[in-house]
Amino acid sequence: MREAVDFVERPLGENSLHILVSLQHPEHRQIVERFERAIAAMKADGSYARLLKQYGL
């Protein structure tokens, strides 16, 4: 299978971010909601794009 895959230096596209929180954690929903709000705020204020540019992503 590895022979059928070509690796590129830079990503061809951007995928969404994910966070894994155990469903057993008593605050799992709140943790995920805070993560999603923080990422949305970073995208809105431009800091997300600046980080991607800073690290060449």
Protein backbone atom coordinates (compact mmCIF):
# COMPACT_ATOMS: atom_id res chain seq x y z
CA MET A 1 0.00 0.00 0.00
CA ARG A 2 2.83 2.46 0.82
CA GLU A 3 4.06 2.20 -2.75
CA ALA A 4 0.72 3.55 -3.97
CA VAL A 5 0.91 6.71 -1.85
CA ASP A 6 2.84 9.84 -2.78
CA PHE A 7 3.85 12.11 0.08
CA VAL A 8 3.99 15.83 -0.57
CA GLU A 9 6.00 18.42 1.30
CA ARG A 10 3.08 20.75 2.04
CA PRO A 11 -0.52 19.74 2.56
CA LEU A 12 -2.81 20.05 -0.42
CA GLY A 13 -5.64 21.20 1.81
CA GLU A 14 -6.63 21.91 5.35
CA ASN A 15 -8.78 19.61 7.42
CA SER A 16 -10.75 20.62 10.44
CA LEU A 17 -9.33 20.27 13.90
CA HIS A 18 -10.51 17.58 16.24
CA ILE A 19 -10.34 17.01 19.95
CA LEU A 20 -10.86 13.71 21.68
CA VAL A 21 -12.44 13.72 25.11
CA SER A 22 -13.57 10.61 26.88
CA LEU A 23 -17.33 10.34 27.13
CA GLN A 24 -16.65 9.13 30.65
CA HIS A 25 -15.27 12.54 31.61
CA PRO A 26 -18.02 14.37 33.50
CA GLU A 27 -17.46 17.62 31.53
CA HIS A 28 -16.80 16.18 28.06
CA ARG A 29 -19.46 18.29 26.34
CA GLN A 30 -18.27 21.52 27.95
CA ILE A 31 -14.66 20.78 26.99
CA VAL A 32 -15.58 20.20 23.34
CA GLU A 33 -17.80 23.30 23.25
CA ARG A 34 -15.01 25.48 24.71
CA PHE A 35 -12.56 24.07 22.16
CA GLU A 36 -14.93 24.81 19.27
CA ARG A 37 -15.58 28.36 20.52
CA ALA A 38 -11.87 29.03 20.94
CA ILE A 39 -11.04 27.84 17.41
CA ALA A 40 -13.92 29.92 15.98
CA ALA A 41 -12.65 33.00 17.86
CA MET A 42 -9.11 32.43 16.58
CA LYS A 43 -10.38 32.17 13.02
CA ALA A 44 -12.47 35.33 13.47
CA ASP A 45 -9.59 37.43 14.87
CA GLY A 46 -7.01 36.12 12.39
CA SER A 47 -4.74 34.44 14.94
CA TYR A 48 -5.49 31.00 13.48
CA ALA A 49 -4.32 32.10 10.03
CA ARG A 50 -1.23 33.74 11.53
CA LEU A 51 -0.26 30.50 13.26
CA LEU A 52 -0.70 28.52 10.06
CA LYS A 53 1.48 31.02 8.17
CA GLN A 54 4.08 31.14 10.96
CA TYR A 55 4.55 27.37 10.81
CA GLY A 56 4.29 27.10 7.04
CA LEU A 57 0.97 25.28 7.00
